[in-house]
Amino acid sequence: MKKALKKILQSLLTQALRKAAKVQKIDKLRTKLEEIVPDISQQYVSAKINNEYLKVKIRNMHAFQISLVNKIIGEFSSPTVVDIGDS
């Protein structure tokens, strides 16, 4: 019973995240990022991305972050992007 409820809840949350991405207009960017990096399951060492809800949640977060970067880059005539890493 507990597993069934968890599965239903994750399904509802996943649908909500997909709907939110569409409303925020980041769903196409999310799809494009999925094409560039199809497997994100090994990107994080602190948590496992092992279900659809977490995949959609992380993908939406990445799409949101990249949408902000794209917006800022568009403000410059010839931008230079540097990756300083996070470690």
PDB file of N, CA and C in Angstrom:
ATOM      1  N   MET A   1       0.825  -1.195   0.000  1.00  0.00           N
ATOM      2  CA  MET A   1       0.000   0.000   0.000  1.00  0.00           C
ATOM      3  C   MET A   1       0.867   1.256   0.000  1.00  0.00           C
ATOM      4  N   LYS A   2       1.893   1.272   0.860  1.00  0.00           N
ATOM      5  CA  LYS A   2       2.769   2.442   0.962  1.00  0.00           C
ATOM      6  C   LYS A   2       3.495   2.704  -0.358  1.00  0.00           C
ATOM      7  N   LYS A   3       3.966   1.635  -1.020  1.00  0.00           N
ATOM      8  CA  LYS A   3       4.653   1.774  -2.302  1.00  0.00           C
ATOM      9  C   LYS A   3       3.716   2.317  -3.368  1.00  0.00           C
ATOM     10  N   ALA A   4       2.472   1.861  -3.346  1.00  0.00           N
ATOM     11  CA  ALA A   4       1.487   2.320  -4.328  1.00  0.00           C
ATOM     12  C   ALA A   4       1.202   3.805  -4.155  1.00  0.00           C
ATOM     13  N   LEU A   5       1.066   4.248  -2.905  1.00  0.00           N
ATOM     14  CA  LEU A   5       0.829   5.666  -2.642  1.00  0.00           C
ATOM     15  C   LEU A   5       2.027   6.518  -3.055  1.00  0.00           C
ATOM     16  N   LYS A   6       3.207   6.012  -2.780  1.00  0.00           N
ATOM     17  CA  LYS A   6       4.423   6.724  -3.170  1.00  0.00           C
ATOM     18  C   LYS A   6       4.497   6.866  -4.690  1.00  0.00           C
ATOM     19  N   LYS A   7       4.158   5.816  -5.391  1.00  0.00           N
ATOM     20  CA  LYS A   7       4.184   5.832  -6.850  1.00  0.00           C
ATOM     21  C   LYS A   7       3.165   6.834  -7.403  1.00  0.00           C
ATOM     22  N   ILE A   8       1.973   6.852  -6.825  1.00  0.00           N
ATOM     23  CA  ILE A   8       0.933   7.799  -7.245  1.00  0.00           C
ATOM     24  C   ILE A   8       1.383   9.234  -6.986  1.00  0.00           C
ATOM     25  N   LEU A   9       1.937   9.475  -5.807  1.00  0.00           N
ATOM     26  CA  LEU A   9       2.403  10.810  -5.453  1.00  0.00           C
ATOM     27  C   LEU A   9       3.514  11.270  -6.394  1.00  0.00           C
ATOM     28  N   GLN A  10       4.485  10.398  -6.664  1.00  0.00           N
ATOM     29  CA  GLN A  10       5.569  10.754  -7.581  1.00  0.00           C
ATOM     30  C   GLN A  10       5.037  11.044  -8.978  1.00  0.00           C
ATOM     31  N   SER A  11       4.043  10.301  -9.409  1.00  0.00           N
ATOM     32  CA  SER A  11       3.437  10.530 -10.714  1.00  0.00           C
ATOM     33  C   SER A  11       2.771  11.912 -10.769  1.00  0.00           C
ATOM     34  N   LEU A  12       2.030  12.246  -9.728  1.00  0.00           N
ATOM     35  CA  LEU A  12       1.378  13.561  -9.665  1.00  0.00           C
ATOM     36  C   LEU A  12       2.407  14.692  -9.633  1.00  0.00           C
ATOM     37  N   LEU A  13       3.442  14.510  -8.839  1.00  0.00           N
ATOM     38  CA  LEU A  13       4.485  15.531  -8.749  1.00  0.00           C
ATOM     39  C   LEU A  13       5.228  15.692 -10.081  1.00  0.00           C
ATOM     40  N   THR A  14       5.476  14.590 -10.758  1.00  0.00           N
ATOM     41  CA  THR A  14       6.146  14.629 -12.056  1.00  0.00           C
ATOM     42  C   THR A  14       5.288  15.384 -13.064  1.00  0.00           C
ATOM     43  N   GLN A  15       3.998  15.101 -13.081  1.00  0.00           N
ATOM     44  CA  GLN A  15       3.088  15.814 -13.977  1.00  0.00           C
ATOM     45  C   GLN A  15       3.069  17.309 -13.658  1.00  0.00           C
ATOM     46  N   ALA A  16       3.083  17.644 -12.392  1.00  0.00           N
ATOM     47  CA  ALA A  16       3.090  19.055 -11.981  1.00  0.00           C
ATOM     48  C   ALA A  16       4.366  19.755 -12.450  1.00  0.00           C
ATOM     49  N   LEU A  17       5.507  19.067 -12.333  1.00  0.00           N
ATOM     50  CA  LEU A  17       6.772  19.647 -12.779  1.00  0.00           C
ATOM     51  C   LEU A  17       6.772  19.874 -14.294  1.00  0.00           C
ATOM     52  N   ARG A  18       6.233  18.910 -15.040  1.00  0.00           N
ATOM     53  CA  ARG A  18       6.156  19.056 -16.499  1.00  0.00           C
ATOM     54  C   ARG A  18       5.258  20.225 -16.877  1.00  0.00           C
ATOM     55  N   LYS A  19       4.144  20.361 -16.186  1.00  0.00           N
ATOM     56  CA  LYS A  19       3.212  21.461 -16.438  1.00  0.00           C
ATOM     57  C   LYS A  19       3.882  22.799 -16.096  1.00  0.00           C
ATOM     58  N   ALA A  20       4.592  22.849 -14.986  1.00  0.00           N
ATOM     59  CA  ALA A  20       5.279  24.082 -14.585  1.00  0.00           C
ATOM     60  C   ALA A  20       6.329  24.483 -15.624  1.00  0.00           C
ATOM     61  N   ALA A  21       7.052  23.500 -16.162  1.00  0.00           N
ATOM     62  CA  ALA A  21       8.066  23.784 -17.189  1.00  0.00           C
ATOM     63  C   ALA A  21       7.409  24.375 -18.432  1.00  0.00           C
ATOM     64  N   LYS A  22       6.247  23.857 -18.770  1.00  0.00           N
ATOM     65  CA  LYS A  22       5.529  24.369 -19.935  1.00  0.00           C
ATOM     66  C   LYS A  22       5.066  25.804 -19.694  1.00  0.00           C
ATOM     67  N   VAL A  23       4.520  26.058 -18.514  1.00  0.00           N
ATOM     68  CA  VAL A  23       4.055  27.405 -18.161  1.00  0.00           C
ATOM     69  C   VAL A  23       5.223  28.402 -18.165  1.00  0.00           C
ATOM     70  N   GLN A  24       6.376  27.967 -17.654  1.00  0.00           N
ATOM     71  CA  GLN A  24       7.556  28.829 -17.590  1.00  0.00           C
ATOM     72  C   GLN A  24       8.309  28.886 -18.919  1.00  0.00           C
ATOM     73  N   LYS A  25       7.841  28.123 -19.894  1.00  0.00           N
ATOM     74  CA  LYS A  25       8.432  28.078 -21.234  1.00  0.00           C
ATOM     75  C   LYS A  25       9.880  27.607 -21.231  1.00  0.00           C
ATOM     76  N   ILE A  26      10.148  26.605 -20.409  1.00  0.00           N
ATOM     77  CA  ILE A  26      11.481  25.991 -20.402  1.00  0.00           C
ATOM     78  C   ILE A  26      11.422  24.526 -20.841  1.00  0.00           C
ATOM     79  N   ASP A  27      10.232  24.072 -21.240  1.00  0.00           N
ATOM     80  CA  ASP A  27      10.077  22.662 -21.621  1.00  0.00           C
ATOM     81  C   ASP A  27      10.868  22.313 -22.884  1.00  0.00           C
ATOM     82  N   LYS A  28      10.917  23.224 -23.848  1.00  0.00           N
ATOM     83  CA  LYS A  28      11.683  22.949 -25.075  1.00  0.00           C
ATOM     84  C   LYS A  28      13.179  22.947 -24.793  1.00  0.00           C
ATOM     85  N   LEU A  29      13.614  23.852 -23.938  1.00  0.00           N
ATOM     86  CA  LEU A  29      15.017  23.881 -23.547  1.00  0.00           C
ATOM     87  C   LEU A  29      15.381  22.610 -22.782  1.00  0.00           C
ATOM     88  N   ARG A  30      14.487  22.156 -21.927  1.00  0.00           N
ATOM     89  CA  ARG A  30      14.718  20.904 -21.196  1.00  0.00           C
ATOM     90  C   ARG A  30      14.905  19.743 -22.168  1.00  0.00           C
ATOM     91  N   THR A  31      14.061  19.687 -23.191  1.00  0.00           N
ATOM     92  CA  THR A  31      14.168  18.627 -24.201  1.00  0.00           C
ATOM     93  C   THR A  31      15.494  18.718 -24.942  1.00  0.00           C
ATOM     94  N   LYS A  32      15.900  19.931 -25.277  1.00  0.00           N
ATOM     95  CA  LYS A  32      17.183  20.127 -25.972  1.00  0.00           C
ATOM     96  C   LYS A  32      18.351  19.670 -25.096  1.00  0.00           C
ATOM     97  N   LEU A  33      18.307  19.989 -23.820  1.00  0.00           N
ATOM     98  CA  LEU A  33      19.356  19.560 -22.900  1.00  0.00           C
ATOM     99  C   LEU A  33      19.377  18.046 -22.748  1.00  0.00           C
ATOM    100  N   GLU A  34      18.203  17.422 -22.779  1.00  0.00           N
ATOM    101  CA  GLU A  34      18.129  15.957 -22.718  1.00  0.00           C
ATOM    102  C   GLU A  34      18.812  15.331 -23.924  1.00  0.00           C
ATOM    103  N   GLU A  35      18.673  15.973 -25.088  1.00  0.00           N
ATOM    104  CA  GLU A  35      19.323  15.464 -26.296  1.00  0.00           C
ATOM    105  C   GLU A  35      20.843  15.595 -26.195  1.00  0.00           C
ATOM    106  N   ILE A  36      21.304  16.674 -25.574  1.00  0.00           N
ATOM    107  CA  ILE A  36      22.746  16.907 -25.435  1.00  0.00           C
ATOM    108  C   ILE A  36      23.357  15.943 -24.416  1.00  0.00           C
ATOM    109  N   VAL A  37      22.685  15.790 -23.266  1.00  0.00           N
ATOM    110  CA  VAL A  37      23.164  14.889 -22.207  1.00  0.00           C
ATOM    111  C   VAL A  37      22.021  13.936 -21.850  1.00  0.00           C
ATOM    112  N   PRO A  38      21.953  12.783 -22.545  1.00  0.00           N
ATOM    113  CA  PRO A  38      20.837  11.869 -22.323  1.00  0.00           C
ATOM    114  C   PRO A  38      20.786  11.225 -20.934  1.00  0.00           C
ATOM    115  N   ASP A  39      21.936  10.996 -20.310  1.00  0.00           N
ATOM    116  CA  ASP A  39      21.963  10.295 -19.020  1.00  0.00           C
ATOM    117  C   ASP A  39      22.555  11.202 -17.943  1.00  0.00           C
ATOM    118  N   ILE A  40      21.713  11.607 -16.998  1.00  0.00           N
ATOM    119  CA  ILE A  40      22.195  12.459 -15.900  1.00  0.00           C
ATOM    120  C   ILE A  40      22.311  11.682 -14.596  1.00  0.00           C
ATOM    121  N   SER A  41      22.133  10.384 -14.656  1.00  0.00           N
ATOM    122  CA  SER A  41      22.081   9.578 -13.433  1.00  0.00           C
ATOM    123  C   SER A  41      23.383   9.591 -12.640  1.00  0.00           C
ATOM    124  N   GLN A  42      24.505   9.895 -13.274  1.00  0.00           N
ATOM    125  CA  GLN A  42      25.793   9.889 -12.588  1.00  0.00           C
ATOM    126  C   GLN A  42      26.343  11.299 -12.315  1.00  0.00           C
ATOM    127  N   GLN A  43      25.528  12.329 -12.494  1.00  0.00           N
ATOM    128  CA  GLN A  43      26.019  13.694 -12.339  1.00  0.00           C
ATOM    129  C   GLN A  43      26.203  14.118 -10.891  1.00  0.00           C
ATOM    130  N   TYR A  44      25.503  13.514  -9.997  1.00  0.00           N
ATOM    131  CA  TYR A  44      25.566  13.920  -8.596  1.00  0.00           C
ATOM    132  C   TYR A  44      26.086  12.772  -7.740  1.00  0.00           C
ATOM    133  N   VAL A  45      26.992  13.081  -6.832  1.00  0.00           N
ATOM    134  CA  VAL A  45      27.511  12.048  -5.932  1.00  0.00           C
ATOM    135  C   VAL A  45      26.731  12.016  -4.620  1.00  0.00           C
ATOM    136  N   SER A  46      26.054  13.100  -4.284  1.00  0.00           N
ATOM    137  CA  SER A  46      25.349  13.177  -3.010  1.00  0.00           C
ATOM    138  C   SER A  46      23.949  12.562  -3.050  1.00  0.00           C
ATOM    139  N   ALA A  47      23.411  12.374  -4.245  1.00  0.00           N
ATOM    140  CA  ALA A  47      22.062  11.806  -4.357  1.00  0.00           C
ATOM    141  C   ALA A  47      21.949  10.995  -5.648  1.00  0.00           C
ATOM    142  N   LYS A  48      21.149   9.961  -5.591  1.00  0.00           N
ATOM    143  CA  LYS A  48      20.915   9.149  -6.788  1.00  0.00           C
ATOM    144  C   LYS A  48      19.693   9.675  -7.521  1.00  0.00           C
ATOM    145  N   ILE A  49      19.835   9.803  -8.818  1.00  0.00           N
ATOM    146  CA  ILE A  49      18.710  10.212  -9.664  1.00  0.00           C
ATOM    147  C   ILE A  49      18.170   8.921 -10.264  1.00  0.00           C
ATOM    148  N   ASN A  50      17.272   8.294  -9.531  1.00  0.00           N
ATOM    149  CA  ASN A  50      16.872   6.937  -9.896  1.00  0.00           C
ATOM    150  C   ASN A  50      15.376   6.758 -10.131  1.00  0.00           C
ATOM    151  N   ASN A  51      14.649   7.865 -10.310  1.00  0.00           N
ATOM    152  CA  ASN A  51      13.239   7.738 -10.663  1.00  0.00           C
ATOM    153  C   ASN A  51      12.830   8.921 -11.544  1.00  0.00           C
ATOM    154  N   GLU A  52      11.696   8.794 -12.180  1.00  0.00           N
ATOM    155  CA  GLU A  52      11.250   9.802 -13.154  1.00  0.00           C
ATOM    156  C   GLU A  52      11.050  11.166 -12.517  1.00  0.00           C
ATOM    157  N   TYR A  53      10.507  11.198 -11.314  1.00  0.00           N
ATOM    158  CA  TYR A  53      10.292  12.476 -10.623  1.00  0.00           C
ATOM    159  C   TYR A  53      11.611  13.234 -10.450  1.00  0.00           C
ATOM    160  N   LEU A  54      12.635  12.567  -9.957  1.00  0.00           N
ATOM    161  CA  LEU A  54      13.929  13.227  -9.749  1.00  0.00           C
ATOM    162  C   LEU A  54      14.560  13.650 -11.070  1.00  0.00           C
ATOM    163  N   LYS A  55      14.422  12.822 -12.096  1.00  0.00           N
ATOM    164  CA  LYS A  55      14.959  13.184 -13.412  1.00  0.00           C
ATOM    165  C   LYS A  55      14.310  14.461 -13.930  1.00  0.00           C
ATOM    166  N   VAL A  56      12.988  14.524 -13.855  1.00  0.00           N
ATOM    167  CA  VAL A  56      12.268  15.705 -14.350  1.00  0.00           C
ATOM    168  C   VAL A  56      12.607  16.926 -13.493  1.00  0.00           C
ATOM    169  N   LYS A  57      12.691  16.727 -12.195  1.00  0.00           N
ATOM    170  CA  LYS A  57      13.019  17.830 -11.274  1.00  0.00           C
ATOM    171  C   LYS A  57      14.400  18.418 -11.605  1.00  0.00           C
ATOM    172  N   ILE A  58      15.395  17.557 -11.761  1.00  0.00           N
ATOM    173  CA  ILE A  58      16.759  18.010 -12.068  1.00  0.00           C
ATOM    174  C   ILE A  58      16.812  18.629 -13.457  1.00  0.00           C
ATOM    175  N   ARG A  59      16.154  18.001 -14.427  1.00  0.00           N
ATOM    176  CA  ARG A  59      16.138  18.540 -15.794  1.00  0.00           C
ATOM    177  C   ARG A  59      15.494  19.922 -15.831  1.00  0.00           C
ATOM    178  N   ASN A  60      14.400  20.102 -15.094  1.00  0.00           N
ATOM    179  CA  ASN A  60      13.761  21.420 -15.032  1.00  0.00           C
ATOM    180  C   ASN A  60      14.698  22.449 -14.407  1.00  0.00           C
ATOM    181  N   MET A  61      15.386  22.046 -13.352  1.00  0.00           N
ATOM    182  CA  MET A  61      16.318  22.961 -12.699  1.00  0.00           C
ATOM    183  C   MET A  61      17.419  23.375 -13.679  1.00  0.00           C
ATOM    184  N   HIS A  62      17.972  22.404 -14.406  1.00  0.00           N
ATOM    185  CA  HIS A  62      19.013  22.719 -15.377  1.00  0.00           C
ATOM    186  C   HIS A  62      18.483  23.653 -16.470  1.00  0.00           C
ATOM    187  N   ALA A  63      17.292  23.370 -16.959  1.00  0.00           N
ATOM    188  CA  ALA A  63      16.701  24.204 -18.006  1.00  0.00           C
ATOM    189  C   ALA A  63      16.473  25.627 -17.492  1.00  0.00           C
ATOM    190  N   PHE A  64      16.001  25.755 -16.264  1.00  0.00           N
ATOM    191  CA  PHE A  64      15.801  27.076 -15.677  1.00  0.00           C
ATOM    192  C   PHE A  64      17.127  27.827 -15.569  1.00  0.00           C
ATOM    193  N   GLN A  65      18.157  27.149 -15.088  1.00  0.00           N
ATOM    194  CA  GLN A  65      19.469  27.788 -14.940  1.00  0.00           C
ATOM    195  C   GLN A  65      20.021  28.240 -16.293  1.00  0.00           C
ATOM    196  N   ILE A  66      19.918  27.376 -17.295  1.00  0.00           N
ATOM    197  CA  ILE A  66      20.429  27.726 -18.619  1.00  0.00           C
ATOM    198  C   ILE A  66      19.599  28.845 -19.235  1.00  0.00           C
ATOM    199  N   SER A  67      18.308  28.873 -18.972  1.00  0.00           N
ATOM    200  CA  SER A  67      17.481  29.966 -19.496  1.00  0.00           C
ATOM    201  C   SER A  67      17.939  31.312 -18.928  1.00  0.00           C
ATOM    202  N   LEU A  68      18.330  31.321 -17.653  1.00  0.00           N
ATOM    203  CA  LEU A  68      18.847  32.555 -17.057  1.00  0.00           C
ATOM    204  C   LEU A  68      20.183  32.962 -17.685  1.00  0.00           C
ATOM    205  N   VAL A  69      21.051  31.983 -17.895  1.00  0.00           N
ATOM    206  CA  VAL A  69      22.349  32.253 -18.529  1.00  0.00           C
ATOM    207  C   VAL A  69      22.135  32.792 -19.935  1.00  0.00           C
ATOM    208  N   ASN A  70      21.239  32.162 -20.694  1.00  0.00           N
ATOM    209  CA  ASN A  70      20.960  32.628 -22.061  1.00  0.00           C
ATOM    210  C   ASN A  70      20.442  34.059 -22.070  1.00  0.00           C
ATOM    211  N   LYS A  71      19.603  34.375 -21.110  1.00  0.00           N
ATOM    212  CA  LYS A  71      19.047  35.729 -21.023  1.00  0.00           C
ATOM    213  C   LYS A  71      20.160  36.762 -20.775  1.00  0.00           C
ATOM    214  N   ILE A  72      21.050  36.450 -19.846  1.00  0.00           N
ATOM    215  CA  ILE A  72      22.142  37.371 -19.523  1.00  0.00           C
ATOM    216  C   ILE A  72      23.135  37.479 -20.678  1.00  0.00           C
ATOM    217  N   ILE A  73      23.477  36.342 -21.283  1.00  0.00           N
ATOM    218  CA  ILE A  73      24.424  36.361 -22.409  1.00  0.00           C
ATOM    219  C   ILE A  73      23.885  37.226 -23.536  1.00  0.00           C
ATOM    220  N   GLY A  74      22.577  37.194 -23.738  1.00  0.00           N
ATOM    221  CA  GLY A  74      21.953  38.006 -24.780  1.00  0.00           C
ATOM    222  C   GLY A  74      22.105  39.496 -24.559  1.00  0.00           C
ATOM    223  N   GLU A  75      22.461  39.902 -23.360  1.00  0.00           N
ATOM    224  CA  GLU A  75      22.631  41.320 -23.030  1.00  0.00           C
ATOM    225  C   GLU A  75      23.975  41.876 -23.524  1.00  0.00           C
ATOM    226  N   PHE A  76      24.915  40.996 -23.869  1.00  0.00           N
ATOM    227  CA  PHE A  76      26.255  41.415 -24.266  1.00  0.00           C
ATOM    228  C   PHE A  76      26.455  41.250 -25.764  1.00  0.00           C
ATOM    229  N   SER A  77      27.279  42.135 -26.337  1.00  0.00           N
ATOM    230  CA  SER A  77      27.518  42.051 -27.780  1.00  0.00           C
ATOM    231  C   SER A  77      28.482  40.933 -28.147  1.00  0.00           C
ATOM    232  N   SER A  78      29.524  40.726 -27.351  1.00  0.00           N
ATOM    233  CA  SER A  78      30.418  39.588 -27.618  1.00  0.00           C
ATOM    234  C   SER A  78      30.888  39.019 -26.284  1.00  0.00           C
ATOM    235  N   PRO A  79      30.030  38.166 -25.691  1.00  0.00           N
ATOM    236  CA  PRO A  79      30.320  37.641 -24.352  1.00  0.00           C
ATOM    237  C   PRO A  79      31.416  36.582 -24.352  1.00  0.00           C
ATOM    238  N   THR A  80      32.086  36.492 -23.222  1.00  0.00           N
ATOM    239  CA  THR A  80      33.040  35.419 -22.964  1.00  0.00           C
ATOM    240  C   THR A  80      32.522  34.646 -21.766  1.00  0.00           C
ATOM    241  N   VAL A  81      32.402  33.340 -21.924  1.00  0.00           N
ATOM    242  CA  VAL A  81      31.890  32.500 -20.851  1.00  0.00           C
ATOM    243  C   VAL A  81      33.042  31.675 -20.296  1.00  0.00           C
ATOM    244  N   VAL A  82      33.188  31.688 -18.963  1.00  0.00           N
ATOM    245  CA  VAL A  82      34.244  30.945 -18.287  1.00  0.00           C
ATOM    246  C   VAL A  82      33.601  30.035 -17.249  1.00  0.00           C
ATOM    247  N   ASP A  83      34.010  28.795 -17.226  1.00  0.00           N
ATOM    248  CA  ASP A  83      33.513  27.845 -16.233  1.00  0.00           C
ATOM    249  C   ASP A  83      34.549  27.748 -15.122  1.00  0.00           C
ATOM    250  N   ILE A  84      34.184  28.215 -13.921  1.00  0.00           N
ATOM    251  CA  ILE A  84      35.133  28.165 -12.807  1.00  0.00           C
ATOM    252  C   ILE A  84      34.969  26.896 -11.985  1.00  0.00           C
ATOM    253  N   GLY A  85      33.975  26.073 -12.330  1.00  0.00           N
ATOM    254  CA  GLY A  85      33.763  24.831 -11.596  1.00  0.00           C
ATOM    255  C   GLY A  85      33.142  25.081 -10.242  1.00  0.00           C
ATOM    256  N   ASP A  86      32.863  24.004  -9.539  1.00  0.00           N
ATOM    257  CA  ASP A  86      32.251  24.146  -8.223  1.00  0.00           C
ATOM    258  C   ASP A  86      32.928  23.268  -7.180  1.00  0.00           C
ATOM    259  N   SER A  87      34.150  22.902  -7.456  1.00  0.00           N
ATOM    260  CA  SER A  87      34.857  22.090  -6.466  1.00  0.00           C
ATOM    261  C   SER A  87      36.100  22.793  -5.968  1.00  0.00           C
TER     262      SER A  87
END
